Every structure is written in C-alpha cells, then in structure tokens.
Protein backbone atom coordinates (compact mmCIF):
# COMPACT_ATOMS: atom_id res chain seq x y z
CA MET A 1 -45.16 12.88 -18.80
CA GLY A 2 -45.26 9.58 -21.11
CA GLN A 3 -47.44 6.65 -19.96
CA PRO A 4 -46.08 4.01 -18.00
CA ALA A 5 -44.69 1.15 -20.27
CA ASP A 6 -47.51 -1.63 -19.34
CA SER A 7 -50.30 0.87 -19.36
CA VAL A 8 -49.77 1.15 -23.09
CA PRO A 9 -51.91 -1.27 -25.17
CA CYS A 10 -49.85 -3.57 -27.54
CA ILE A 11 -51.66 -4.08 -30.70
CA GLY A 12 -50.79 -7.29 -32.81
CA ILE A 13 -51.01 -6.64 -36.68
CA SER A 14 -51.21 -9.40 -39.30
CA ILE A 15 -48.38 -9.64 -41.51
CA ASN A 16 -48.14 -9.68 -45.43
CA PHE A 17 -46.46 -12.47 -47.54
CA ILE A 18 -43.94 -12.25 -50.57
CA HIS A 19 -43.90 -15.84 -51.09
CA ALA A 20 -40.46 -17.55 -52.22
CA ASP A 21 -39.48 -16.30 -55.69
CA PRO A 22 -36.43 -18.00 -57.38
CA THR A 23 -36.08 -15.00 -60.20
CA ARG A 24 -36.12 -12.76 -57.02
CA PRO A 25 -32.81 -10.69 -57.32
CA ILE A 26 -32.63 -10.17 -53.17
CA PHE A 27 -33.59 -12.94 -50.52
CA LYS A 28 -33.67 -15.20 -53.74
CA GLY A 29 -35.95 -18.30 -53.29
CA MET A 30 -37.15 -17.19 -49.69
CA THR A 31 -40.54 -16.36 -48.15
CA LEU A 32 -40.80 -12.70 -46.73
CA GLN A 33 -42.98 -11.74 -44.00
CA PHE A 34 -43.69 -7.93 -43.58
CA LEU A 35 -45.80 -5.07 -42.50
CA GLU A 36 -46.95 -1.99 -44.30
CA GLU A 37 -45.80 1.34 -42.87
CA ARG A 38 -48.89 3.50 -42.67
CA MET A 39 -50.87 0.63 -40.71
CA THR A 40 -47.86 0.40 -38.14
CA LEU A 41 -47.59 4.42 -37.72
CA SER A 42 -51.28 4.50 -37.47
CA VAL A 43 -51.40 2.36 -34.58
CA GLN A 44 -48.49 4.42 -32.92
CA ARG A 45 -50.39 7.43 -33.75
CA ALA A 46 -53.46 5.93 -31.77
CA GLY A 47 -51.53 5.46 -28.41
CA ALA A 48 -50.62 1.64 -29.06
CA ILE A 49 -47.55 -0.25 -29.76
CA PRO A 50 -47.65 -1.80 -33.00
CA ILE A 51 -46.23 -5.51 -33.08
CA GLY A 52 -45.90 -7.57 -36.15
CA LEU A 53 -47.63 -11.28 -35.73
CA PRO A 54 -45.42 -13.72 -37.63
CA ASP A 55 -46.46 -16.95 -39.33
CA LEU A 56 -45.10 -19.37 -36.63
CA LYS A 57 -46.90 -22.07 -38.11
CA ASP A 58 -48.67 -24.05 -35.43
CA VAL A 59 -51.55 -23.34 -32.80
CA PRO A 60 -49.52 -23.47 -29.40
CA SER A 61 -46.51 -20.70 -31.17
CA THR A 62 -49.60 -18.54 -32.41
CA ALA A 63 -51.47 -18.62 -28.88
CA ALA A 64 -48.16 -18.17 -26.62
CA LEU A 65 -47.43 -15.03 -29.31
CA LEU A 66 -51.03 -13.54 -29.00
CA SER A 67 -50.75 -13.84 -25.34
CA ARG A 68 -48.56 -10.79 -25.49
CA VAL A 69 -50.80 -8.43 -27.32
CA ASP A 70 -54.23 -6.87 -26.18
CA GLY A 71 -55.98 -6.67 -29.63
CA VAL A 72 -55.66 -8.25 -32.98
CA LEU A 73 -55.92 -6.11 -36.28
CA LEU A 74 -56.22 -8.08 -39.54
CA ALA A 75 -54.55 -5.88 -42.30
CA GLY A 76 -55.18 -5.60 -46.09
CA GLY A 77 -53.33 -7.71 -48.70
CA ALA A 78 -53.85 -10.25 -51.18
CA ASP A 79 -57.65 -11.99 -52.35
CA LEU A 80 -58.59 -14.65 -50.21
CA SER A 81 -58.55 -18.12 -51.58
CA PRO A 82 -62.13 -19.55 -52.64
CA SER A 83 -60.88 -22.43 -51.07
CA SER A 84 -61.16 -21.07 -47.72
CA TYR A 85 -65.07 -20.62 -48.21
CA GLY A 86 -65.84 -23.78 -50.11
CA GLU A 87 -65.59 -22.42 -53.30
CA GLU A 88 -63.11 -22.83 -56.80
CA PRO A 89 -61.70 -19.51 -58.33
CA LEU A 90 -63.65 -18.77 -61.07
CA ARG A 91 -60.55 -17.69 -62.89
CA PRO A 92 -56.59 -18.62 -61.99
CA GLU A 93 -55.84 -14.74 -61.01
CA TRP A 94 -58.64 -15.10 -58.19
CA ALA A 95 -56.94 -18.16 -56.73
CA GLY A 96 -55.62 -15.55 -53.57
CA ASP A 97 -53.11 -16.83 -50.82
CA ARG A 98 -54.43 -19.59 -49.13
CA ALA A 99 -51.13 -19.87 -46.93
CA ARG A 100 -51.91 -16.72 -45.49
CA ASP A 101 -56.04 -17.29 -44.93
CA GLU A 102 -54.55 -20.30 -43.20
CA TYR A 103 -52.12 -18.20 -40.98
CA GLU A 104 -54.99 -15.68 -40.03
CA LEU A 105 -57.55 -18.34 -39.51
CA ARG A 106 -55.48 -19.23 -36.69
CA LEU A 107 -54.83 -15.88 -35.54
CA VAL A 108 -58.68 -15.22 -35.07
CA GLU A 109 -59.37 -18.49 -33.63
CA GLN A 110 -56.72 -17.89 -30.56
CA ALA A 111 -57.51 -14.30 -30.65
CA ARG A 112 -61.34 -15.30 -29.93
CA ARG A 113 -60.11 -18.17 -27.32
CA LEU A 114 -58.27 -15.52 -25.80
CA GLY A 115 -60.93 -12.66 -25.50
CA LEU A 116 -59.00 -10.41 -27.68
CA PRO A 117 -60.85 -7.73 -29.54
CA LEU A 118 -60.24 -8.27 -33.66
CA LEU A 119 -60.50 -5.29 -35.92
CA GLY A 120 -60.66 -6.48 -39.69
CA VAL A 121 -59.23 -3.92 -42.43
CA CYS A 122 -59.74 -4.19 -45.86
CA ARG A 123 -58.80 -7.98 -46.67
CA GLY A 124 -59.13 -8.20 -43.09
CA ILE A 125 -63.05 -7.57 -42.96
CA GLN A 126 -63.57 -10.47 -45.58
CA LEU A 127 -61.18 -12.56 -43.69
CA VAL A 128 -63.64 -12.08 -40.42
CA ASN A 129 -66.72 -13.20 -42.49
CA VAL A 130 -65.13 -16.11 -43.88
CA ALA A 131 -63.43 -17.21 -40.18
CA LEU A 132 -67.17 -16.71 -39.02
CA GLY A 133 -68.88 -18.55 -41.81
CA GLY A 134 -69.40 -16.31 -44.76
CA THR A 135 -68.63 -16.24 -48.23
CA LEU A 136 -67.18 -13.54 -50.60
CA TYR A 137 -67.74 -12.06 -53.99
CA GLN A 138 -64.63 -13.52 -56.02
CA ASP A 139 -64.93 -10.53 -58.30
CA ILE A 140 -67.56 -7.88 -58.04
CA VAL A 141 -68.13 -6.63 -61.03
CA THR A 142 -68.13 -9.73 -62.46
CA GLN A 143 -70.55 -11.46 -59.87
CA ARG A 144 -72.88 -8.42 -58.91
CA GLU A 145 -75.03 -6.68 -61.91
CA GLY A 146 -75.06 -2.79 -61.56
CA ALA A 147 -71.66 -2.85 -59.03
CA LEU A 148 -69.31 0.33 -58.71
CA THR A 149 -65.89 -0.06 -59.81
CA HIS A 150 -64.20 -0.42 -56.24
CA ARG A 151 -60.77 -1.29 -57.25
CA ASP A 152 -58.80 0.80 -60.12
CA TRP A 153 -54.95 0.11 -60.40
CA HIS A 154 -54.41 3.31 -61.81
CA ARG A 155 -56.03 5.56 -58.94
CA TYR A 156 -55.58 3.64 -56.30
CA ASP A 157 -56.21 4.75 -53.14
CA ALA A 158 -57.43 7.59 -54.74
CA LEU A 159 -60.41 6.00 -55.93
CA GLY A 160 -63.85 6.53 -53.30
CA HIS A 161 -67.16 6.59 -52.78
CA PRO A 162 -69.42 7.08 -50.09
CA VAL A 163 -70.65 4.69 -47.77
CA ARG A 164 -73.95 4.78 -45.88
CA VAL A 165 -73.79 4.01 -42.44
CA GLU A 166 -75.98 2.33 -39.56
CA ALA A 167 -75.70 5.07 -37.04
CA ASP A 168 -76.15 3.04 -33.73
CA SER A 169 -73.36 0.95 -34.53
CA TRP A 170 -69.37 1.26 -34.01
CA VAL A 171 -68.54 3.15 -36.58
CA GLY A 172 -71.57 5.49 -36.73
CA ARG A 173 -70.47 6.19 -33.10
CA LEU A 174 -66.99 7.08 -34.04
CA TYR A 175 -68.50 9.98 -36.12
CA HIS A 176 -71.14 11.16 -34.05
CA GLY A 177 -74.19 9.16 -35.24
CA ALA A 178 -73.09 10.14 -39.08
CA THR A 179 -75.18 8.29 -41.61
CA GLU A 180 -72.92 9.14 -44.31
CA LEU A 181 -68.99 9.00 -44.95
CA GLU A 182 -66.50 9.19 -47.90
CA VAL A 183 -64.13 6.56 -48.25
CA ASN A 184 -61.33 5.29 -50.29
CA SER A 185 -61.83 1.65 -52.35
CA VAL A 186 -59.15 -0.82 -53.01
CA HIS A 187 -60.65 -4.03 -53.10
CA HIS A 188 -62.32 -6.16 -56.14
CA GLN A 189 -63.62 -8.84 -53.58
CA GLY A 190 -66.36 -8.17 -50.99
CA ILE A 191 -68.44 -9.86 -48.60
CA HIS A 192 -71.03 -12.14 -50.19
CA ARG A 193 -73.02 -14.28 -47.87
CA LEU A 194 -73.05 -12.23 -44.40
CA ALA A 195 -71.65 -14.60 -41.70
CA PRO A 196 -74.63 -15.80 -39.43
CA SER A 197 -73.09 -14.02 -36.09
CA LEU A 198 -72.30 -10.54 -37.70
CA ARG A 199 -74.69 -7.52 -38.81
CA ALA A 200 -73.50 -5.21 -41.82
CA THR A 201 -73.37 -1.57 -40.41
CA ALA A 202 -72.21 0.10 -43.66
CA TRP A 203 -72.88 -0.14 -47.23
CA ALA A 204 -71.69 1.42 -50.55
CA PRO A 205 -74.32 2.93 -53.36
CA ASP A 206 -74.21 -0.76 -55.15
CA GLY A 207 -75.08 -2.72 -51.85
CA ILE A 208 -71.84 -3.88 -51.31
CA VAL A 209 -71.20 -4.49 -47.11
CA GLU A 210 -68.06 -1.74 -46.15
CA ALA A 211 -68.52 -2.32 -42.54
CA VAL A 212 -69.69 -5.35 -40.10
CA GLU A 213 -69.72 -6.13 -36.50
CA LEU A 214 -70.94 -8.69 -34.15
CA ALA A 215 -74.46 -8.68 -33.59
CA ASP A 216 -73.64 -9.11 -29.80
CA MET A 217 -70.61 -7.03 -28.75
CA SER A 218 -71.28 -7.85 -24.57
CA ASP A 219 -68.52 -10.96 -24.64
CA GLU A 220 -66.45 -10.50 -28.02
CA TRP A 221 -65.46 -7.88 -29.46
CA ILE A 222 -65.16 -8.19 -33.52
CA ALA A 223 -65.46 -5.28 -36.17
CA GLY A 224 -64.41 -5.04 -39.63
CA ILE A 225 -64.21 -2.13 -42.06
CA GLN A 226 -63.64 -2.30 -46.08
CA TRP A 227 -61.77 0.51 -46.62
CA HIS A 228 -58.29 1.67 -45.49
CA PRO A 229 -58.83 4.14 -42.68
CA GLU A 230 -54.58 4.32 -42.51
CA TRP A 231 -54.35 5.73 -45.92
CA LEU A 232 -56.64 8.73 -45.12
CA GLU A 233 -55.48 12.15 -43.64
CA ALA A 234 -51.85 10.68 -43.09
CA PRO A 235 -49.36 13.32 -42.28
CA ASP A 236 -46.78 12.68 -44.83
CA GLN A 237 -49.90 13.75 -47.43
CA GLY A 238 -50.33 16.94 -45.43
CA GLY A 239 -53.25 15.79 -43.73
CA ASP A 240 -54.07 15.39 -39.86
CA PRO A 241 -55.21 11.78 -38.71
CA ARG A 242 -57.62 13.54 -36.17
CA THR A 243 -59.17 16.05 -38.61
CA CYS A 244 -61.96 14.73 -40.93
CA ALA A 245 -63.39 17.69 -42.59
CA GLY A 246 -66.88 16.75 -44.75
CA GLY A 247 -67.42 13.60 -42.80
CA ARG A 248 -64.55 12.00 -44.07
CA ALA A 249 -63.62 8.61 -42.79
CA CYS A 250 -59.81 9.61 -41.12
CA GLY A 251 -57.71 6.83 -39.74
CA GLY A 252 -56.81 8.55 -36.57
CA THR A 253 -60.24 7.92 -35.44
CA VAL A 254 -60.64 4.38 -36.17
CA PHE A 255 -57.49 3.39 -34.83
CA GLU A 256 -57.84 5.50 -31.38
CA ALA A 257 -61.21 3.93 -31.01
CA PHE A 258 -59.96 0.25 -31.62
CA VAL A 259 -56.91 0.92 -29.12
CA ASP A 260 -59.44 2.61 -26.75
CA VAL A 261 -61.53 -0.70 -26.84
CA CYS A 262 -58.25 -2.95 -26.07
CA ARG A 263 -57.18 -0.59 -23.18
CA GLN A 264 -60.77 -1.08 -21.79
CA ARG A 265 -60.94 -4.96 -22.27
CA ARG A 266 -57.78 -5.40 -20.82
CA GLY A 267 -58.92 -3.23 -17.91
CA GLN A 268 -61.86 -5.69 -17.46
CA ALA A 269 -59.79 -8.64 -17.75
CA ARG A 270 -57.62 -7.59 -15.31
CA ALA A 271 -59.96 -6.52 -12.72
CA ALA A 272 -62.07 -10.01 -13.43
CA ALA A 273 -58.43 -11.94 -12.48
CA SER A 274 -57.77 -9.99 -9.40
C-alpha cells in the first residue's frame, strides 16, 4: 500500500528562467520558468512530491506558496550576479542572472521565516552563501591560483574530482563517516568568503568549498553541496540511485536524506502546534 497523501512530504524546487527573447521561434518575447527533469525525478524517487516554485514576484505570494511545502531545494542553473554580493562583474559574461537571484533570495528569506529546511545544489550552495552574507569567486580559475578546472563544456557532467569530507557533518554521515567522495563538477564560480553562520564540510583538492551547513542546525536546517547528485547514478544512464560503488556520491542518498529531514521537521512542527 502507498503512503497516505498527507504523509508524503512536498519539496518545493526553485525554477530556472529562460528570459524573454524576441528572436526565439517559440514563446517569442516571453519569459519561461522551468524545472530540470532529473532533479524533479530524483525528488520523486526519494519519496516526496516535487513542486516547482514559480516566481510570483512579491513577498506575500511567495510566503503563501511556501506555506504549502515541507522543504525547499535550490536548484542549479545560471551564474549569480556579482551585484548580489556587492561586486561588479569582472567580465560581461559573468554578469549572472540578477532576476533569478532576487527571486531565490526571497525564497530563502521566507523559507527561513517559516522554518523550512533548505538544501542548495550547485548554484544553490552559492545562493545560500550569498543569502547569509558570503561572497563568490566570479571565476575560480581566474581568481584562485592553482585552481582545478571545475567546468568543461565538452565533458560537462562527465567531469569530476574527489572531495575531502568532514566525517562529522551532514554529508559525511550520509556516507557513514566517509572522508572522501568522487563527485561531478559543473561550475566555474564557487564560494570565496564563507558566510559567518555557515561551516564548510567538504573541499576539492584545490581548497574550493564543496559543501556547507549551518554551524548550528538545532533550530534551522540549511545545507548545500556544489556537485549535482541528481546527475549521478541515474537510472536512465544504467545506474541505481541507491548504489554508490567506490564512495561515489550518488543522488539517491542525498535526496532521500533531505526528504527525511523535511519529514522529521514537519512532524516536530505539528507536534509543537498540537
């Protein structure tokens, strides 16, 4: 038998934008808001109902929307705008997506007000860091001497590297205290100055932060990872999302653990309200 509908957590996922383009052959001149399929299916396989969180443009509507979900997942996508953390772009192509930043910053603000767990993936970890007062490298290779290549357009999600993990952290506990994982790498920006309330819990070989969580998770629950777990061990690629040979940081474990956090926090909130 399946679970009762009201026992299945609902996870809100931040959307991506394709901004208005008068030269586009379909939806000419219109802005599109969309979800990436593997992220949506990963949340569903983890035992939750994935719900896209459209940009409703104002705080009251955002708050009303978030009142219907049990947790928020900040998805990957376009670069953050340096203006979101008080800088000017070093190059025009690193100007980022300010409109999406503003939308997701509203999501973070209202999710925290409602006490919802937050998980950031790739762009999401960077957004979390900026929302809590940190900054980013606009381009890791340009700004950090000796940096790895963290993004290769041609290899894309086939590019990867090991990460060193703090065993006593949320990510470390997912993998039974593992201190090293193999992850994919599809980003050219990354955390520069860590937000004061966060602690780093995983690092690439060049020292770039690859996972964070709140230093104190007793009241709020916020974490982020720089890699894309939804693209690892995907069933449509012949993999099993629950099997992680050789310490590979599979998607199933990350999303199932986040869904469990959301389920537990919802249960605690209901008990406190009764």
